[in-house]
Amino acid sequence: MKKSETLRGIIPPIISPFDASGKIDRAIFRREVRHLIECGVHGLSPGGSTGEGAALTDEELSELIRIVKEENTKGLPIVAGVIRTSTQAAVKTALAAKAAGADALMVTPVFYNVLVPDEKGNYSFYEAIAEASGLPVIIYNVVPQNEITSEAFSRLLEIPNVMGIKQSVGGIMAFYDMVITNGQRGMIYAATDEMLYSAFDLGADGAISAILSLFPRLCVKMWNLVQEGRKDEARKIQDTIYPVWKAVRGPQFPARMKAALRLMGRDCGCSRSPMSEVTEAQVFHMKKLLEHIRDE
């Protein structure tokens, strides 16, 4: 059994704010960390997809983890993203994250198309990272061309430090299949942003997904309501934020997130090149949807 109360609940991926030249804006990052903690989240995840982790160097990721530790007055678990295209690079990043103070790792499968391994290769990839780091490893199942099936995850759970999966690819049906197949053996985290209540109701151990960073208070409230059995109220929150997620998801996703956050009064700077700003039409659409939603 690889269940963990420490790594359960709402764990938002933190936005990585950049200035116009592409440098990390540390002041904004600190503000975001403090804001998420004040909203009652259960953990913090720097360096994931929402945080443009693939565009961060090991040194930058380490610095962000150290900042989280400095601001982490409640001692929340830190789940660092590892998004690299080789076993050697991923191990190096994992060790850097551990040295900086990460409590667990969220590791994306190799995603560059011609480098995608078979199931044996995926096993050796996660085994090497888990053994080298000695940290709990959560698989970030988000790569369509390298999907970790529920059967493959069953085998990966044989690796001592692999303890969970963030289920993103395949929607709610794939999430439910993962819960049915492996929910008693490992942690299953929801990343179906548009249907978090549904995932909670189906047995999620928590969530690590972008919508948590956009609406941290509402998502913590939704999680708590489900734990209390007040499902009708939780469903209403899902219904409220669903249209917003439809507008935010899509190409240049981190830039869309930052545009939505700016409309909500949380300016998180720019996205790192080669991403560009979202269109005026997209901003206008998000603005109309956000007019009647407050994260409280």
Protein backbone atom coordinates (compact mmCIF):
# COMPACT_ATOMS: atom_id res chain seq x y z
CA MET A 1 0.00 0.00 0.00
CA LYS A 2 1.47 3.35 -1.04
CA LYS A 3 -1.10 5.75 0.35
CA SER A 4 0.15 8.97 1.93
CA GLU A 5 -1.89 11.37 4.05
CA THR A 6 0.96 13.89 3.78
CA LEU A 7 0.67 14.07 0.00
CA ARG A 8 -3.12 14.13 -0.13
CA GLY A 9 -5.44 16.95 -1.18
CA ILE A 10 -5.00 20.16 -3.16
CA ILE A 11 -1.44 20.62 -4.50
CA PRO A 12 -1.38 23.51 -6.99
CA PRO A 13 1.38 23.85 -9.59
CA ILE A 14 2.97 27.25 -9.09
CA ILE A 15 3.19 29.74 -11.95
CA SER A 16 6.75 30.69 -12.97
CA PRO A 17 6.66 34.45 -13.60
CA PHE A 18 9.13 35.90 -16.12
CA ASP A 19 9.89 39.47 -17.05
CA ALA A 20 9.97 40.69 -20.66
CA SER A 21 13.57 39.52 -21.08
CA GLY A 22 12.76 36.01 -19.88
CA LYS A 23 14.28 36.28 -16.40
CA ILE A 24 12.42 34.89 -13.38
CA ASP A 25 10.60 37.55 -11.35
CA ARG A 26 11.37 36.34 -7.83
CA ALA A 27 9.16 38.91 -6.09
CA ILE A 28 6.05 37.78 -7.98
CA PHE A 29 6.92 34.13 -7.38
CA ARG A 30 7.18 34.75 -3.63
CA ARG A 31 3.84 36.54 -3.69
CA GLU A 32 2.19 33.62 -5.48
CA VAL A 33 3.60 31.09 -3.01
CA ARG A 34 2.32 33.13 -0.07
CA HIS A 35 -1.08 33.53 -1.72
CA LEU A 36 -1.50 29.81 -2.31
CA ILE A 37 -0.52 29.01 1.28
CA GLU A 38 -3.00 31.58 2.60
CA CYS A 39 -5.73 29.89 0.54
CA GLY A 40 -5.33 26.68 2.56
CA VAL A 41 -3.74 24.38 -0.03
CA HIS A 42 -2.22 21.08 1.11
CA GLY A 43 1.02 21.16 -0.89
CA LEU A 44 2.97 23.17 -3.46
CA SER A 45 4.40 22.10 -6.82
CA PRO A 46 7.05 24.26 -8.54
CA GLY A 47 8.39 23.36 -11.97
CA GLY A 48 5.38 21.56 -13.45
CA SER A 49 3.80 22.22 -16.84
CA THR A 50 1.88 25.22 -15.51
CA GLY A 51 5.17 26.54 -14.19
CA GLU A 52 6.85 26.04 -17.58
CA GLY A 53 9.16 23.47 -16.00
CA ALA A 54 10.48 22.24 -19.34
CA ALA A 55 11.86 25.74 -19.94
CA LEU A 56 13.62 25.97 -16.54
CA THR A 57 17.25 25.05 -16.01
CA ASP A 58 18.17 22.87 -13.05
CA GLU A 59 19.61 25.94 -11.33
CA GLU A 60 16.38 27.91 -11.84
CA LEU A 61 14.22 25.05 -10.58
CA SER A 62 16.45 24.71 -7.52
CA GLU A 63 16.14 28.42 -6.80
CA LEU A 64 12.34 28.27 -7.03
CA ILE A 65 12.27 25.31 -4.64
CA ARG A 66 14.46 27.21 -2.17
CA ILE A 67 12.09 30.19 -2.36
CA VAL A 68 9.12 27.91 -1.68
CA LYS A 69 10.94 26.52 1.37
CA GLU A 70 11.64 30.04 2.66
CA GLU A 71 7.99 31.07 2.31
CA ASN A 72 6.57 27.72 3.43
CA THR A 73 5.58 28.71 6.95
CA LYS A 74 3.14 25.80 7.28
CA GLY A 75 5.60 23.09 6.28
CA LEU A 76 3.53 21.93 3.31
CA PRO A 77 5.04 19.17 1.14
CA ILE A 78 6.92 20.42 -1.93
CA VAL A 79 6.40 18.33 -5.07
CA ALA A 80 8.96 19.39 -7.69
CA GLY A 81 8.33 18.92 -11.40
CA VAL A 82 10.90 17.03 -13.48
CA ILE A 83 10.39 17.46 -17.25
CA ARG A 84 13.38 16.20 -19.20
CA THR A 85 14.00 14.17 -22.36
CA SER A 86 16.53 11.58 -21.15
CA THR A 87 17.10 9.42 -18.09
CA GLN A 88 20.45 11.09 -17.39
CA ALA A 89 18.98 14.60 -17.55
CA ALA A 90 15.96 13.62 -15.43
CA VAL A 91 18.17 12.05 -12.73
CA LYS A 92 20.32 15.18 -12.66
CA THR A 93 17.25 17.40 -12.26
CA ALA A 94 15.79 15.10 -9.60
CA LEU A 95 18.99 15.26 -7.56
CA ALA A 96 19.10 19.06 -7.90
CA ALA A 97 15.49 19.29 -6.72
CA LYS A 98 16.23 17.04 -3.76
CA ALA A 99 19.27 19.09 -2.77
CA ALA A 100 17.15 22.26 -2.91
CA GLY A 101 14.59 20.77 -0.52
CA ALA A 102 11.88 19.00 -2.53
CA ASP A 103 9.90 16.40 -0.59
CA ALA A 104 8.66 14.51 -3.66
CA LEU A 105 9.01 14.53 -7.43
CA MET A 106 6.42 14.74 -10.19
CA VAL A 107 8.10 13.24 -13.26
CA THR A 108 6.82 13.55 -16.83
CA PRO A 109 7.55 10.61 -19.18
CA VAL A 110 9.95 11.32 -22.03
CA PHE A 111 7.93 13.37 -24.49
CA TYR A 112 10.07 14.14 -27.53
CA ASN A 113 8.43 12.05 -30.22
CA VAL A 114 11.34 10.08 -31.69
CA LEU A 115 12.78 9.45 -28.20
CA VAL A 116 9.62 7.92 -26.75
CA PRO A 117 10.58 4.54 -25.22
CA ASP A 118 8.62 1.32 -24.94
CA GLU A 119 7.22 0.06 -21.63
CA LYS A 120 10.56 -1.44 -20.62
CA GLY A 121 12.25 1.89 -21.28
CA ASN A 122 9.66 3.77 -19.21
CA TYR A 123 10.22 1.33 -16.35
CA SER A 124 13.99 1.84 -16.39
CA PHE A 125 13.46 5.63 -16.62
CA TYR A 126 11.35 5.78 -13.46
CA GLU A 127 13.42 3.16 -11.67
CA ALA A 128 16.62 5.17 -12.19
CA ILE A 129 15.03 8.41 -10.96
CA ALA A 130 13.41 6.77 -7.93
CA GLU A 131 16.56 4.93 -6.89
CA ALA A 132 18.90 7.87 -7.40
CA SER A 133 16.73 10.42 -5.58
CA GLY A 134 15.26 8.28 -2.82
CA LEU A 135 12.20 10.55 -2.95
CA PRO A 136 8.54 9.64 -3.52
CA VAL A 137 7.84 9.79 -7.25
CA ILE A 138 4.51 10.77 -8.82
CA ILE A 139 4.20 9.98 -12.53
CA TYR A 140 2.78 12.87 -14.52
CA ASN A 141 0.70 11.04 -17.11
CA VAL A 142 0.21 13.81 -19.65
CA VAL A 143 2.04 12.79 -22.85
CA PRO A 144 -0.38 11.39 -25.49
CA GLN A 145 2.39 9.69 -27.48
CA ASN A 146 3.83 8.13 -24.30
CA GLU A 147 0.74 7.37 -22.25
CA ILE A 148 1.19 5.35 -19.08
CA THR A 149 -1.72 2.91 -19.13
CA SER A 150 -3.31 1.63 -15.94
CA GLU A 151 -1.62 -1.74 -16.56
CA ALA A 152 1.77 -0.08 -17.03
CA PHE A 153 1.27 1.93 -13.84
CA SER A 154 0.53 -1.32 -11.99
CA ARG A 155 3.99 -2.53 -12.94
CA LEU A 156 5.64 0.81 -12.17
CA LEU A 157 4.21 0.61 -8.64
CA GLU A 158 6.60 -2.29 -8.10
CA ILE A 159 9.40 0.30 -7.96
CA PRO A 160 9.76 1.11 -4.22
CA ASN A 161 9.61 4.92 -4.43
CA VAL A 162 6.98 5.23 -7.18
CA MET A 163 3.87 6.04 -5.16
CA GLY A 164 1.34 7.77 -7.38
CA ILE A 165 0.23 9.14 -10.71
CA LYS A 166 -1.13 12.49 -11.81
CA GLN A 167 -3.72 11.42 -14.37
CA SER A 168 -4.16 13.96 -17.14
CA VAL A 169 -4.20 12.29 -20.56
CA GLY A 170 -7.43 10.56 -21.60
CA GLY A 171 -9.96 12.57 -19.61
CA ILE A 172 -12.33 11.36 -16.92
CA MET A 173 -12.68 7.84 -18.37
CA ALA A 174 -8.92 7.22 -18.20
CA PHE A 175 -8.88 8.67 -14.69
CA TYR A 176 -11.63 6.30 -13.53
CA ASP A 177 -9.85 3.34 -15.11
CA MET A 178 -6.72 4.28 -13.15
CA VAL A 179 -8.72 4.44 -9.90
CA ILE A 180 -10.44 1.10 -10.53
CA THR A 181 -7.18 -0.64 -11.44
CA ASN A 182 -4.72 0.91 -8.99
CA GLY A 183 -6.58 3.04 -6.46
CA GLN A 184 -5.92 0.61 -3.60
CA ARG A 185 -2.20 0.39 -4.35
CA GLY A 186 -1.11 3.93 -5.15
CA MET A 187 -2.13 7.58 -5.04
CA ILE A 188 -4.27 8.75 -7.96
CA TYR A 189 -4.26 12.53 -8.47
CA ALA A 190 -6.80 14.32 -10.64
CA ALA A 191 -5.66 16.58 -13.45
CA THR A 192 -8.97 16.68 -15.31
CA ASP A 193 -9.24 20.39 -14.54
CA GLU A 194 -12.75 20.83 -15.89
CA MET A 195 -14.16 17.95 -13.79
CA LEU A 196 -12.35 18.00 -10.46
CA TYR A 197 -15.47 17.40 -8.38
CA SER A 198 -16.28 14.38 -10.52
CA ALA A 199 -12.75 13.04 -10.01
CA PHE A 200 -12.95 13.62 -6.25
CA ASP A 201 -16.27 11.80 -6.15
CA LEU A 202 -14.74 8.88 -8.08
CA GLY A 203 -11.97 8.42 -5.53
CA ALA A 204 -9.13 10.84 -6.28
CA ASP A 205 -6.54 11.19 -3.52
CA GLY A 206 -6.21 14.84 -4.43
CA ALA A 207 -5.40 17.04 -7.39
CA ILE A 208 -2.30 18.56 -8.97
CA SER A 209 -3.69 20.68 -11.77
CA ALA A 210 -3.59 24.18 -13.20
CA ILE A 211 -7.13 25.15 -12.21
CA LEU A 212 -5.99 24.94 -8.57
CA SER A 213 -3.57 27.80 -9.17
CA LEU A 214 -6.29 29.88 -10.83
CA PHE A 215 -8.94 29.28 -8.14
CA PRO A 216 -7.11 27.96 -5.07
CA ARG A 217 -9.75 28.91 -2.48
CA LEU A 218 -12.63 27.53 -4.53
CA CYS A 219 -10.77 24.28 -5.19
CA VAL A 220 -9.85 23.81 -1.53
CA LYS A 221 -13.50 24.47 -0.68
CA MET A 222 -14.64 21.94 -3.30
CA TRP A 223 -12.27 19.30 -1.90
CA ASN A 224 -13.41 19.94 1.68
CA LEU A 225 -17.08 19.79 0.70
CA VAL A 226 -16.57 16.37 -0.90
CA GLN A 227 -14.77 15.11 2.23
CA GLU A 228 -17.75 16.32 4.28
CA GLY A 229 -20.26 14.61 1.99
CA ARG A 230 -21.74 17.90 0.75
CA LYS A 231 -21.55 16.86 -2.87
CA ASP A 232 -24.27 19.08 -4.32
CA GLU A 233 -22.41 22.18 -3.13
CA ALA A 234 -19.12 20.83 -4.49
CA ARG A 235 -20.72 20.13 -7.87
CA LYS A 236 -21.89 23.75 -8.09
CA ILE A 237 -18.28 24.95 -7.83
CA GLN A 238 -17.29 22.63 -10.68
CA ASP A 239 -20.19 23.97 -12.76
CA THR A 240 -19.05 27.54 -12.05
CA ILE A 241 -15.43 27.16 -13.11
CA TYR A 242 -16.02 24.76 -16.00
CA PRO A 243 -16.61 27.49 -18.66
CA VAL A 244 -13.47 29.34 -17.56
CA TRP A 245 -11.34 26.26 -18.01
CA LYS A 246 -12.71 25.77 -21.52
CA ALA A 247 -11.43 29.26 -22.35
CA VAL A 248 -8.04 28.87 -20.66
CA ARG A 249 -6.99 25.45 -21.98
CA GLY A 250 -5.36 25.06 -25.37
CA PRO A 251 -2.23 26.22 -27.21
CA GLN A 252 0.18 28.46 -25.30
CA PHE A 253 -1.49 27.31 -22.14
CA PRO A 254 0.81 29.01 -19.56
CA ALA A 255 0.33 32.32 -21.37
CA ARG A 256 -3.45 31.84 -21.21
CA MET A 257 -3.19 31.11 -17.47
CA LYS A 258 -1.24 34.30 -16.93
CA ALA A 259 -3.77 36.29 -18.94
CA ALA A 260 -6.60 34.94 -16.78
CA LEU A 261 -4.67 35.63 -13.58
CA ARG A 262 -3.99 39.19 -14.74
CA LEU A 263 -7.72 39.70 -15.21
CA MET A 264 -8.22 38.46 -11.65
CA GLY A 265 -5.74 40.98 -10.25
CA ARG A 266 -2.76 38.63 -9.93
CA ASP A 267 -0.25 39.78 -12.55
CA CYS A 268 2.22 36.91 -12.99
CA GLY A 269 4.34 38.50 -15.67
CA CYS A 270 5.19 36.98 -19.03
CA SER A 271 5.73 33.47 -20.33
CA ARG A 272 9.16 32.42 -21.53
CA SER A 273 9.96 32.50 -25.24
CA PRO A 274 8.91 31.10 -27.69
CA MET A 275 5.42 31.59 -26.26
CA SER A 276 3.73 34.86 -27.19
CA GLU A 277 0.85 36.78 -25.65
CA VAL A 278 -2.71 35.57 -26.12
CA THR A 279 -4.99 37.45 -28.50
CA GLU A 280 -7.24 40.33 -27.53
CA ALA A 281 -10.26 38.21 -28.47
CA GLN A 282 -9.19 35.46 -26.08
CA VAL A 283 -8.64 37.98 -23.28
CA PHE A 284 -12.06 39.53 -23.88
CA HIS A 285 -13.73 36.11 -23.77
CA MET A 286 -12.01 35.21 -20.49
CA LYS A 287 -12.86 38.60 -19.02
CA LYS A 288 -16.59 38.07 -19.66
CA LEU A 289 -16.46 34.63 -18.02
CA LEU A 290 -14.53 35.86 -14.97
CA GLU A 291 -16.75 38.86 -14.25
CA HIS A 292 -19.04 36.92 -11.92
CA ILE A 293 -16.54 34.51 -10.34
CA ARG A 294 -14.62 35.24 -7.16
CA ASP A 295 -12.07 32.87 -5.67
CA GLU A 296 -13.48 32.77 -2.13
